[in-house]
Amino acid sequence: MSLGYLIDVQGTLISDADKSPLLGAKELIDELNIKNIPYCVITNNTKTASDIFLKELQGKGLNIKYYLDPFMVIKKVLNARDIYPFGPDSFCNVLESIGFRVDEDKPEALLIASHTEFNASSFAKMITLAQKGAKIIGMHGTSIYAKNGKTYPGVGAILAMLSYATSLSTSVVGKPSPLFYERALDILRTQNSSLKWEDITIVSDDAKGDLVGAKTLGMQTRLVLSGKVKSDKEVQPLISHIDTIDASVEKIAKEIRARD
């Protein structure tokens, strides 16, 4: 029996299509709160300031008390102030609001978020800035990005391409970075100080971007088919990293409700 949970948002608690709560999402959070089971909702949100996004989720009826996203840990990963952001305008605006400055010529780091409008010119600029000495940092390591009924390369896929193109190393701020998971563990331990990795179950719709790294740390992993992945056939190469596959979080909510 899991003693604590890390729970993804997009495709797990809310729909990729219309951002509405998915089947069992409200019930899952409510049951965790009622039974005082340690949890933290962990998201790769990079479009909205952390406090605002949390309020948006709460406004959908998700009574989340414990929350973590990449903006909340970025300064532990990156000491530099001068950066060049690659992503939607909203991403750039949040970065500036938390103290980063955009340097278009020679930034100390380039920061990459999910975006539907990346093109060859975008990738060329990433490579050029990296070759000038900018660190290559992804806000997360998602494998694919589902948006508007289409599937785009995730930030993790873009990082792999840049590393191959430049022979330079890359780093990640959010999932599946060990530092991000360590911060999530810290939050769980404010609820139960004795928790260890093997006590924790992570729930997500992204097998490669979330669950593989979590499994390496020793967590139990549950894949839900309510987001990026629609069939277990899509994740057969990764099946050794997945302990359980569920249609949605509804089953998990029912399991927790049935606990004594």
Protein backbone atom coordinates (compact mmCIF):
# COMPACT_ATOMS: atom_id res chain seq x y z
CA MET A 1 0.00 0.00 0.00
CA SER A 2 1.34 3.39 -0.99
CA LEU A 3 1.99 5.81 1.88
CA GLY A 4 2.28 8.90 -0.33
CA TYR A 5 1.45 10.09 -3.82
CA LEU A 6 2.95 12.37 -6.45
CA ILE A 7 0.29 13.28 -8.98
CA ASP A 8 0.69 14.81 -12.42
CA VAL A 9 -1.80 17.40 -13.72
CA GLN A 10 -2.17 17.62 -17.50
CA GLY A 11 -3.72 14.43 -18.86
CA THR A 12 -3.96 13.02 -15.34
CA LEU A 13 -6.14 15.42 -13.34
CA ILE A 14 -7.29 17.73 -16.14
CA SER A 15 -8.06 17.19 -19.80
CA ASP A 16 -5.53 18.05 -22.49
CA ALA A 17 -8.42 19.21 -24.65
CA ASP A 18 -10.45 21.60 -22.50
CA LYS A 19 -8.66 21.66 -19.11
CA SER A 20 -11.73 20.25 -17.33
CA PRO A 21 -11.23 17.77 -14.46
CA LEU A 22 -10.89 14.19 -15.65
CA LEU A 23 -12.84 11.22 -14.34
CA GLY A 24 -12.02 10.65 -10.67
CA ALA A 25 -9.76 13.70 -10.33
CA LYS A 26 -11.81 15.64 -7.78
CA GLU A 27 -12.54 12.47 -5.84
CA LEU A 28 -8.87 11.50 -5.71
CA ILE A 29 -7.76 14.81 -4.20
CA ASP A 30 -10.71 14.83 -1.80
CA GLU A 31 -9.97 11.30 -0.57
CA LEU A 32 -6.29 12.12 -0.01
CA ASN A 33 -7.30 15.18 2.02
CA ILE A 34 -9.96 13.33 4.04
CA LYS A 35 -7.67 10.43 4.94
CA ASN A 36 -4.62 12.68 5.52
CA ILE A 37 -2.53 10.68 3.07
CA PRO A 38 0.61 12.60 2.05
CA TYR A 39 0.55 13.86 -1.52
CA CYS A 40 1.88 16.56 -3.78
CA VAL A 41 0.50 17.61 -7.14
CA ILE A 42 3.51 18.01 -9.42
CA THR A 43 3.08 19.74 -12.75
CA ASN A 44 5.27 20.92 -15.60
CA ASN A 45 3.27 24.16 -15.83
CA THR A 46 5.37 26.80 -17.60
CA LYS A 47 2.67 29.19 -18.83
CA THR A 48 1.29 30.69 -15.63
CA ALA A 49 2.78 31.92 -12.37
CA SER A 50 2.71 29.16 -9.77
CA ASP A 51 0.21 30.77 -7.37
CA ILE A 52 -2.15 31.67 -10.20
CA PHE A 53 -2.08 28.19 -11.75
CA LEU A 54 -2.75 26.58 -8.38
CA LYS A 55 -5.76 28.85 -7.88
CA GLU A 56 -7.01 27.93 -11.36
CA LEU A 57 -6.85 24.23 -10.44
CA GLN A 58 -8.60 24.88 -7.16
CA GLY A 59 -11.24 26.83 -9.06
CA LYS A 60 -12.00 23.67 -11.04
CA GLY A 61 -12.95 21.89 -7.83
CA LEU A 62 -9.56 20.29 -7.22
CA ASN A 63 -8.92 21.06 -3.54
CA ILE A 64 -5.15 20.83 -3.82
CA LYS A 65 -3.14 21.68 -0.69
CA TYR A 66 0.33 20.59 -1.77
CA TYR A 67 1.73 21.73 -5.12
CA LEU A 68 5.02 22.03 -7.00
CA ASP A 69 5.99 23.28 -10.47
CA PRO A 70 9.27 24.18 -12.24
CA PHE A 71 9.04 27.91 -11.51
CA MET A 72 9.25 27.06 -7.81
CA VAL A 73 12.65 25.33 -8.13
CA ILE A 74 14.28 27.02 -11.13
CA LYS A 75 16.63 29.18 -9.07
CA LYS A 76 18.02 26.04 -7.42
CA VAL A 77 19.00 24.81 -10.89
CA LEU A 78 20.09 28.08 -12.48
CA ASN A 79 22.14 30.80 -10.80
CA ALA A 80 22.32 32.89 -13.98
CA ARG A 81 20.06 35.90 -14.40
CA ASP A 82 20.53 36.62 -18.10
CA ILE A 83 18.67 34.05 -20.18
CA TYR A 84 16.99 33.53 -23.52
CA PRO A 85 13.57 31.87 -23.30
CA PHE A 86 12.09 29.61 -25.96
CA GLY A 87 8.36 29.17 -25.52
CA PRO A 88 5.09 31.10 -25.61
CA ASP A 89 4.91 34.74 -24.51
CA SER A 90 3.25 33.73 -21.25
CA PHE A 91 6.34 31.67 -20.34
CA CYS A 92 8.63 34.60 -21.04
CA ASN A 93 6.43 36.95 -19.00
CA VAL A 94 6.55 34.71 -15.93
CA LEU A 95 10.34 34.41 -16.15
CA GLU A 96 10.69 38.18 -16.22
CA SER A 97 8.27 38.53 -13.30
CA ILE A 98 10.50 36.32 -11.12
CA GLY A 99 13.68 38.22 -11.89
CA PHE A 100 15.22 36.87 -15.09
CA ARG A 101 16.43 39.17 -17.88
CA VAL A 102 16.26 38.38 -21.58
CA ASP A 103 19.63 38.59 -23.35
CA GLU A 104 19.24 38.01 -27.09
CA ASP A 105 22.95 37.96 -27.93
CA LYS A 106 24.93 36.03 -25.33
CA PRO A 107 22.71 34.70 -22.55
CA GLU A 108 24.11 32.55 -19.77
CA ALA A 109 21.42 29.97 -20.40
CA LEU A 110 18.63 29.17 -22.81
CA LEU A 111 15.40 27.99 -21.21
CA ILE A 112 13.04 25.82 -23.23
CA ALA A 113 9.33 25.25 -22.54
CA SER A 114 6.61 23.44 -24.50
CA HIS A 115 5.45 25.31 -27.59
CA THR A 116 3.48 24.51 -30.72
CA GLU A 117 5.25 27.07 -32.91
CA PHE A 118 8.87 25.93 -32.81
CA ASN A 119 10.36 25.65 -36.30
CA ALA A 120 13.73 25.18 -37.96
CA SER A 121 14.69 28.79 -37.21
CA SER A 122 13.89 28.26 -33.53
CA PHE A 123 16.13 25.22 -33.39
CA ALA A 124 18.89 27.03 -35.30
CA LYS A 125 18.87 29.84 -32.73
CA MET A 126 18.98 27.34 -29.86
CA ILE A 127 22.05 25.70 -31.41
CA THR A 128 23.75 29.04 -32.09
CA LEU A 129 23.27 30.29 -28.52
CA ALA A 130 24.46 26.98 -27.09
CA GLN A 131 27.58 27.11 -29.23
CA LYS A 132 28.23 30.60 -27.84
CA GLY A 133 28.31 29.13 -24.36
CA ALA A 134 24.73 29.24 -23.11
CA LYS A 135 23.67 26.35 -20.89
CA ILE A 136 20.86 24.26 -22.39
CA ILE A 137 18.08 23.91 -19.85
CA GLY A 138 14.66 22.40 -20.33
CA MET A 139 11.87 23.44 -18.00
CA HIS A 140 10.93 19.75 -17.94
CA GLY A 141 11.66 16.54 -19.81
CA THR A 142 8.32 15.66 -21.39
CA SER A 143 8.52 13.17 -24.22
CA ILE A 144 5.62 14.54 -26.26
CA TYR A 145 3.32 17.55 -26.02
CA ALA A 146 -0.37 17.06 -26.81
CA LYS A 147 -2.19 20.20 -27.91
CA ASN A 148 -5.20 20.98 -30.13
CA GLY A 149 -5.56 17.36 -31.17
CA LYS A 150 -1.94 17.15 -32.34
CA THR A 151 1.20 15.62 -30.89
CA TYR A 152 4.38 17.72 -30.83
CA PRO A 153 7.92 16.91 -29.69
CA GLY A 154 8.16 17.44 -25.95
CA VAL A 155 10.91 19.45 -24.29
CA GLY A 156 12.78 16.24 -23.48
CA ALA A 157 12.81 15.32 -27.16
CA ILE A 158 14.11 18.78 -28.07
CA LEU A 159 16.87 18.51 -25.46
CA ALA A 160 17.94 15.18 -26.93
CA MET A 161 18.12 16.75 -30.38
CA LEU A 162 20.17 19.71 -29.13
CA SER A 163 22.57 17.47 -27.25
CA TYR A 164 23.09 15.36 -30.36
CA ALA A 165 23.55 18.45 -32.55
CA THR A 166 26.01 20.26 -30.26
CA SER A 167 27.63 17.44 -28.26
CA LEU A 168 26.80 19.52 -25.17
CA SER A 169 25.11 18.41 -21.99
CA THR A 170 21.61 19.53 -21.04
CA SER A 171 19.73 19.78 -17.76
CA VAL A 172 16.10 19.77 -16.66
CA VAL A 173 14.28 21.87 -14.06
CA GLY A 174 11.01 19.96 -13.57
CA LYS A 175 10.08 16.30 -14.01
CA PRO A 176 11.95 13.95 -14.28
CA SER A 177 14.85 15.84 -12.69
CA PRO A 178 16.03 14.16 -9.45
CA LEU A 179 16.27 17.63 -7.88
CA PHE A 180 12.59 18.27 -8.66
CA TYR A 181 11.57 14.91 -7.24
CA GLU A 182 13.71 15.57 -4.15
CA ARG A 183 11.83 18.83 -3.58
CA ALA A 184 8.54 16.94 -3.98
CA LEU A 185 9.76 14.41 -1.41
CA ASP A 186 10.52 17.28 0.97
CA ILE A 187 6.89 18.40 0.64
CA LEU A 188 5.65 14.86 1.32
CA ARG A 189 7.86 14.70 4.40
CA THR A 190 6.17 17.76 5.86
CA GLN A 191 3.15 15.45 6.03
CA ASN A 192 5.01 12.26 7.08
CA SER A 193 8.66 12.69 7.97
CA SER A 194 9.53 9.00 7.59
CA LEU A 195 8.59 8.64 3.92
CA LYS A 196 11.11 7.04 1.56
CA TRP A 197 11.05 6.68 -2.22
CA GLU A 198 9.73 3.13 -2.05
CA ASP A 199 6.73 4.36 -0.01
CA ILE A 200 5.61 6.67 -2.82
CA THR A 201 3.51 6.11 -5.92
CA ILE A 202 3.69 8.53 -8.82
CA VAL A 203 0.67 8.84 -11.11
CA SER A 204 1.08 10.31 -14.60
CA ASP A 205 0.08 10.03 -18.25
CA ASP A 206 3.72 10.43 -19.41
CA ALA A 207 5.62 7.15 -19.09
CA LYS A 208 8.90 8.35 -20.55
CA GLY A 209 8.88 11.93 -19.28
CA ASP A 210 7.75 11.20 -15.70
CA LEU A 211 7.68 7.54 -14.74
CA VAL A 212 11.04 6.25 -15.98
CA GLY A 213 13.00 8.70 -13.82
CA ALA A 214 10.71 8.08 -10.86
CA LYS A 215 11.15 4.32 -11.13
CA THR A 216 14.92 4.77 -11.13
CA LEU A 217 14.62 6.47 -7.73
CA GLY A 218 12.58 3.58 -6.39
CA MET A 219 9.02 4.89 -6.61
CA GLN A 220 6.02 2.80 -7.62
CA THR A 221 4.64 3.98 -10.96
CA ARG A 222 1.08 4.16 -12.29
CA LEU A 223 0.35 5.20 -15.85
CA VAL A 224 -3.09 6.58 -16.70
CA LEU A 225 -4.47 6.39 -20.24
CA SER A 226 -6.39 9.65 -19.97
CA GLY A 227 -3.80 11.91 -21.62
CA LYS A 228 -0.83 11.45 -23.95
CA VAL A 229 -1.05 7.67 -24.03
CA LYS A 230 -4.28 5.95 -25.08
CA SER A 231 -3.19 2.31 -25.08
CA ASP A 232 -0.67 0.15 -23.27
CA LYS A 233 0.66 -0.84 -26.70
CA GLU A 234 2.16 2.64 -27.02
CA VAL A 235 4.43 2.10 -24.01
CA GLN A 236 5.55 -1.49 -24.51
CA PRO A 237 9.26 -0.50 -24.77
CA LEU A 238 8.94 1.11 -21.32
CA ILE A 239 6.74 -1.50 -19.67
CA SER A 240 9.43 -2.56 -17.18
CA HIS A 241 9.25 0.94 -15.67
CA ILE A 242 5.47 0.84 -15.18
CA ASP A 243 3.95 -1.04 -12.26
CA THR A 244 0.26 -0.42 -13.00
CA ILE A 245 -1.78 0.93 -15.93
CA ASP A 246 -5.20 2.47 -15.30
CA ALA A 247 -7.78 4.07 -17.56
CA SER A 248 -7.96 7.10 -15.27
CA VAL A 249 -7.34 8.16 -11.66
CA GLU A 250 -10.87 7.03 -10.78
CA LYS A 251 -9.61 3.58 -9.78
CA ILE A 252 -7.00 5.09 -7.47
CA ALA A 253 -9.63 7.29 -5.82
CA LYS A 254 -11.80 4.22 -5.19
CA GLU A 255 -8.87 2.28 -3.73
CA ILE A 256 -8.10 5.09 -1.30
CA ARG A 257 -11.78 5.46 -0.35
CA ALA A 258 -11.86 1.75 0.53
CA ARG A 259 -8.96 2.00 2.98
CA ASP A 260 -9.75 1.59 6.67
